[in-house]
């Protein structure tokens, strides 16, 4: 999953990013602990640019390619 930090903060219903920025949470990824993106991910879902359905379809297609889902699985 990939989205800019601002998008993640905007989606944060638990207020964890706000607490991390206030110093209440330490070693919080993206705030005071670095985020290290995978060098070569098998799949990337840009949740800031894709709908939920588009991201889910990507995952389902990849699982089907890897043989974890049968050909009868509903994948658009």
N, C-alpha and C. Protein backbone atom coordinates (compact mmCIF):
# COMPACT_ATOMS: atom_id res chain seq x y z
N UNK A 1 0.85 -1.16 0.00
CA UNK A 1 0.00 0.00 0.00
C UNK A 1 0.90 1.23 0.00
N UNK A 2 0.51 2.22 -0.77
CA UNK A 2 1.32 3.40 -0.92
C UNK A 2 0.41 4.62 -0.98
N UNK A 3 0.67 5.57 -0.12
CA UNK A 3 -0.04 6.85 -0.13
C UNK A 3 0.87 7.88 0.53
N UNK A 4 0.78 9.13 0.11
CA UNK A 4 1.58 10.17 0.75
C UNK A 4 1.22 10.31 2.23
N UNK A 5 2.18 10.78 3.00
CA UNK A 5 1.98 10.94 4.44
C UNK A 5 0.75 11.79 4.75
N UNK A 6 0.54 12.84 3.97
CA UNK A 6 -0.61 13.73 4.21
C UNK A 6 -1.93 12.98 4.06
N UNK A 7 -1.98 12.07 3.11
CA UNK A 7 -3.19 11.27 2.90
C UNK A 7 -3.39 10.33 4.09
N UNK A 8 -2.31 9.70 4.53
CA UNK A 8 -2.41 8.79 5.68
C UNK A 8 -2.89 9.54 6.92
N UNK A 9 -2.35 10.73 7.12
CA UNK A 9 -2.77 11.53 8.27
C UNK A 9 -4.25 11.91 8.16
N UNK A 10 -4.70 12.22 6.97
CA UNK A 10 -6.10 12.58 6.77
C UNK A 10 -7.06 11.43 7.01
N UNK A 11 -6.58 10.21 6.86
CA UNK A 11 -7.41 9.01 7.05
C UNK A 11 -7.33 8.47 8.47
N UNK A 12 -6.54 9.06 9.31
CA UNK A 12 -6.22 8.52 10.62
C UNK A 12 -7.35 8.73 11.63
N UNK A 13 -8.29 7.81 11.65
CA UNK A 13 -9.45 7.94 12.54
C UNK A 13 -9.10 7.76 14.01
N UNK A 14 -7.99 7.10 14.31
CA UNK A 14 -7.58 6.88 15.70
C UNK A 14 -6.72 8.02 16.26
N UNK A 15 -6.32 8.96 15.40
CA UNK A 15 -5.52 10.09 15.87
C UNK A 15 -4.08 9.76 16.20
N UNK A 16 -3.57 8.65 15.67
CA UNK A 16 -2.21 8.24 16.01
C UNK A 16 -1.15 9.18 15.43
N UNK A 17 -1.37 9.66 14.21
CA UNK A 17 -0.41 10.61 13.62
C UNK A 17 -0.37 11.90 14.43
N UNK A 18 -1.52 12.38 14.85
CA UNK A 18 -1.59 13.60 15.66
C UNK A 18 -0.82 13.40 16.97
N UNK A 19 -1.01 12.25 17.59
CA UNK A 19 -0.28 11.95 18.84
C UNK A 19 1.21 11.84 18.59
N UNK A 20 1.59 11.24 17.46
CA UNK A 20 3.01 11.10 17.14
C UNK A 20 3.63 12.47 16.90
N UNK A 21 2.93 13.35 16.20
CA UNK A 21 3.45 14.70 15.95
C UNK A 21 3.55 15.50 17.24
N UNK A 22 2.70 15.20 18.20
CA UNK A 22 2.75 15.88 19.51
C UNK A 22 3.82 15.29 20.41
N UNK A 23 4.48 14.23 19.96
CA UNK A 23 5.53 13.61 20.75
C UNK A 23 5.05 12.57 21.74
N UNK A 24 3.77 12.24 21.69
CA UNK A 24 3.22 11.26 22.61
C UNK A 24 3.57 9.83 22.21
N UNK A 25 3.79 9.59 20.93
CA UNK A 25 4.17 8.27 20.43
C UNK A 25 5.56 8.38 19.82
N UNK A 26 6.44 7.52 20.23
CA UNK A 26 7.81 7.53 19.72
C UNK A 26 8.00 6.44 18.68
N UNK A 27 8.97 6.64 17.82
CA UNK A 27 9.32 5.69 16.76
C UNK A 27 8.11 5.37 15.88
N UNK A 28 7.38 6.40 15.52
CA UNK A 28 6.19 6.25 14.68
C UNK A 28 6.62 6.41 13.23
N UNK A 29 6.39 5.38 12.45
CA UNK A 29 6.82 5.36 11.05
C UNK A 29 6.28 6.56 10.28
N UNK A 30 7.18 7.25 9.62
CA UNK A 30 6.82 8.40 8.81
C UNK A 30 6.88 9.72 9.56
N UNK A 31 6.93 9.67 10.88
CA UNK A 31 7.00 10.90 11.67
C UNK A 31 8.41 11.04 12.26
N UNK A 32 8.76 10.23 13.23
CA UNK A 32 10.11 10.31 13.78
C UNK A 32 10.92 9.04 13.53
N UNK A 33 10.34 8.13 12.80
CA UNK A 33 11.03 6.92 12.38
C UNK A 33 10.89 6.85 10.86
N UNK A 34 11.94 6.55 10.15
CA UNK A 34 11.84 6.59 8.68
C UNK A 34 10.96 5.48 8.12
N UNK A 35 10.33 5.82 7.01
CA UNK A 35 9.61 4.81 6.24
C UNK A 35 10.56 4.34 5.16
N UNK A 36 10.78 3.06 5.10
CA UNK A 36 11.66 2.48 4.10
C UNK A 36 10.81 1.70 3.10
N UNK A 37 10.58 2.32 1.96
CA UNK A 37 9.76 1.67 0.93
C UNK A 37 10.47 0.44 0.39
N UNK A 38 9.74 -0.60 0.07
CA UNK A 38 10.35 -1.80 -0.51
C UNK A 38 11.06 -1.44 -1.82
N UNK A 39 12.21 -2.06 -2.06
CA UNK A 39 12.97 -1.77 -3.27
C UNK A 39 12.31 -2.32 -4.52
N UNK A 40 11.71 -3.48 -4.40
CA UNK A 40 11.04 -4.07 -5.58
C UNK A 40 9.79 -4.83 -5.12
N UNK A 41 8.73 -4.10 -4.81
CA UNK A 41 7.51 -4.76 -4.36
C UNK A 41 6.88 -5.59 -5.48
N UNK A 42 6.24 -6.69 -5.10
CA UNK A 42 5.55 -7.52 -6.09
C UNK A 42 4.31 -6.81 -6.62
N UNK A 43 3.75 -5.94 -5.80
CA UNK A 43 2.54 -5.22 -6.19
C UNK A 43 2.53 -3.91 -5.42
N UNK A 44 1.98 -2.88 -6.03
CA UNK A 44 1.87 -1.59 -5.36
C UNK A 44 0.47 -1.05 -5.60
N UNK A 45 -0.21 -0.73 -4.52
CA UNK A 45 -1.52 -0.13 -4.60
C UNK A 45 -1.38 1.32 -4.16
N UNK A 46 -1.60 2.25 -5.07
CA UNK A 46 -1.55 3.68 -4.78
C UNK A 46 -2.93 4.10 -4.30
N UNK A 47 -3.15 3.98 -3.01
CA UNK A 47 -4.48 4.21 -2.47
C UNK A 47 -4.91 5.67 -2.52
N UNK A 48 -3.98 6.57 -2.85
CA UNK A 48 -4.36 7.97 -3.04
C UNK A 48 -4.84 8.22 -4.46
N UNK A 49 -4.52 7.33 -5.38
CA UNK A 49 -4.86 7.51 -6.79
C UNK A 49 -5.88 6.48 -7.30
N UNK A 50 -6.02 5.38 -6.59
CA UNK A 50 -6.90 4.30 -7.01
C UNK A 50 -8.10 4.20 -6.08
N UNK A 51 -9.20 3.69 -6.62
CA UNK A 51 -10.35 3.40 -5.77
C UNK A 51 -10.05 2.13 -4.97
N UNK A 52 -10.84 1.89 -3.97
CA UNK A 52 -10.72 0.67 -3.19
C UNK A 52 -10.85 -0.55 -4.09
N UNK A 53 -11.80 -0.49 -5.02
CA UNK A 53 -12.03 -1.60 -5.93
C UNK A 53 -10.83 -1.85 -6.83
N UNK A 54 -10.20 -0.79 -7.34
CA UNK A 54 -9.03 -0.93 -8.19
C UNK A 54 -7.87 -1.59 -7.44
N UNK A 55 -7.65 -1.13 -6.21
CA UNK A 55 -6.58 -1.72 -5.40
C UNK A 55 -6.87 -3.18 -5.08
N UNK A 56 -8.11 -3.47 -4.72
CA UNK A 56 -8.49 -4.85 -4.42
C UNK A 56 -8.32 -5.74 -5.65
N UNK A 57 -8.71 -5.24 -6.82
CA UNK A 57 -8.55 -6.01 -8.05
C UNK A 57 -7.08 -6.32 -8.33
N UNK A 58 -6.20 -5.36 -8.09
CA UNK A 58 -4.76 -5.60 -8.28
C UNK A 58 -4.30 -6.76 -7.41
N UNK A 59 -4.71 -6.73 -6.15
CA UNK A 59 -4.30 -7.78 -5.21
C UNK A 59 -4.87 -9.13 -5.64
N UNK A 60 -6.14 -9.16 -6.00
CA UNK A 60 -6.76 -10.41 -6.42
C UNK A 60 -6.12 -10.96 -7.70
N UNK A 61 -5.82 -10.08 -8.64
CA UNK A 61 -5.15 -10.53 -9.88
C UNK A 61 -3.79 -11.14 -9.56
N UNK A 62 -3.04 -10.50 -8.68
CA UNK A 62 -1.71 -11.02 -8.33
C UNK A 62 -1.82 -12.37 -7.63
N UNK A 63 -2.78 -12.49 -6.71
CA UNK A 63 -2.98 -13.77 -6.02
C UNK A 63 -3.37 -14.86 -7.01
N UNK A 64 -4.15 -14.49 -8.02
CA UNK A 64 -4.53 -15.46 -9.04
C UNK A 64 -3.30 -15.85 -9.87
N UNK A 65 -2.47 -14.87 -10.24
CA UNK A 65 -1.25 -15.15 -11.00
C UNK A 65 -0.32 -16.11 -10.24
N UNK A 66 -0.27 -15.95 -8.93
CA UNK A 66 0.59 -16.78 -8.09
C UNK A 66 -0.01 -18.15 -7.79
N UNK A 67 -1.26 -18.36 -8.20
CA UNK A 67 -1.90 -19.65 -8.00
C UNK A 67 -2.60 -19.81 -6.67
N UNK A 68 -2.78 -18.72 -5.94
CA UNK A 68 -3.47 -18.81 -4.65
C UNK A 68 -4.98 -18.76 -4.80
N UNK A 69 -5.45 -18.31 -5.95
CA UNK A 69 -6.88 -18.27 -6.24
C UNK A 69 -7.14 -19.06 -7.50
N UNK A 70 -8.25 -19.74 -7.54
CA UNK A 70 -8.59 -20.51 -8.73
C UNK A 70 -9.09 -19.59 -9.83
N UNK A 71 -9.16 -20.09 -11.02
CA UNK A 71 -9.65 -19.33 -12.15
C UNK A 71 -11.10 -18.92 -12.02
N UNK A 72 -11.84 -19.58 -11.10
CA UNK A 72 -13.24 -19.28 -10.91
C UNK A 72 -13.48 -18.10 -9.97
N UNK A 73 -12.41 -17.59 -9.34
CA UNK A 73 -12.55 -16.47 -8.42
C UNK A 73 -12.99 -15.24 -9.20
N UNK A 74 -13.81 -14.43 -8.57
CA UNK A 74 -14.33 -13.23 -9.23
C UNK A 74 -13.26 -12.14 -9.21
N UNK A 75 -12.65 -11.92 -10.35
CA UNK A 75 -11.65 -10.87 -10.52
C UNK A 75 -12.01 -10.15 -11.81
N UNK A 76 -12.20 -8.84 -11.71
CA UNK A 76 -12.60 -8.06 -12.90
C UNK A 76 -11.43 -7.86 -13.84
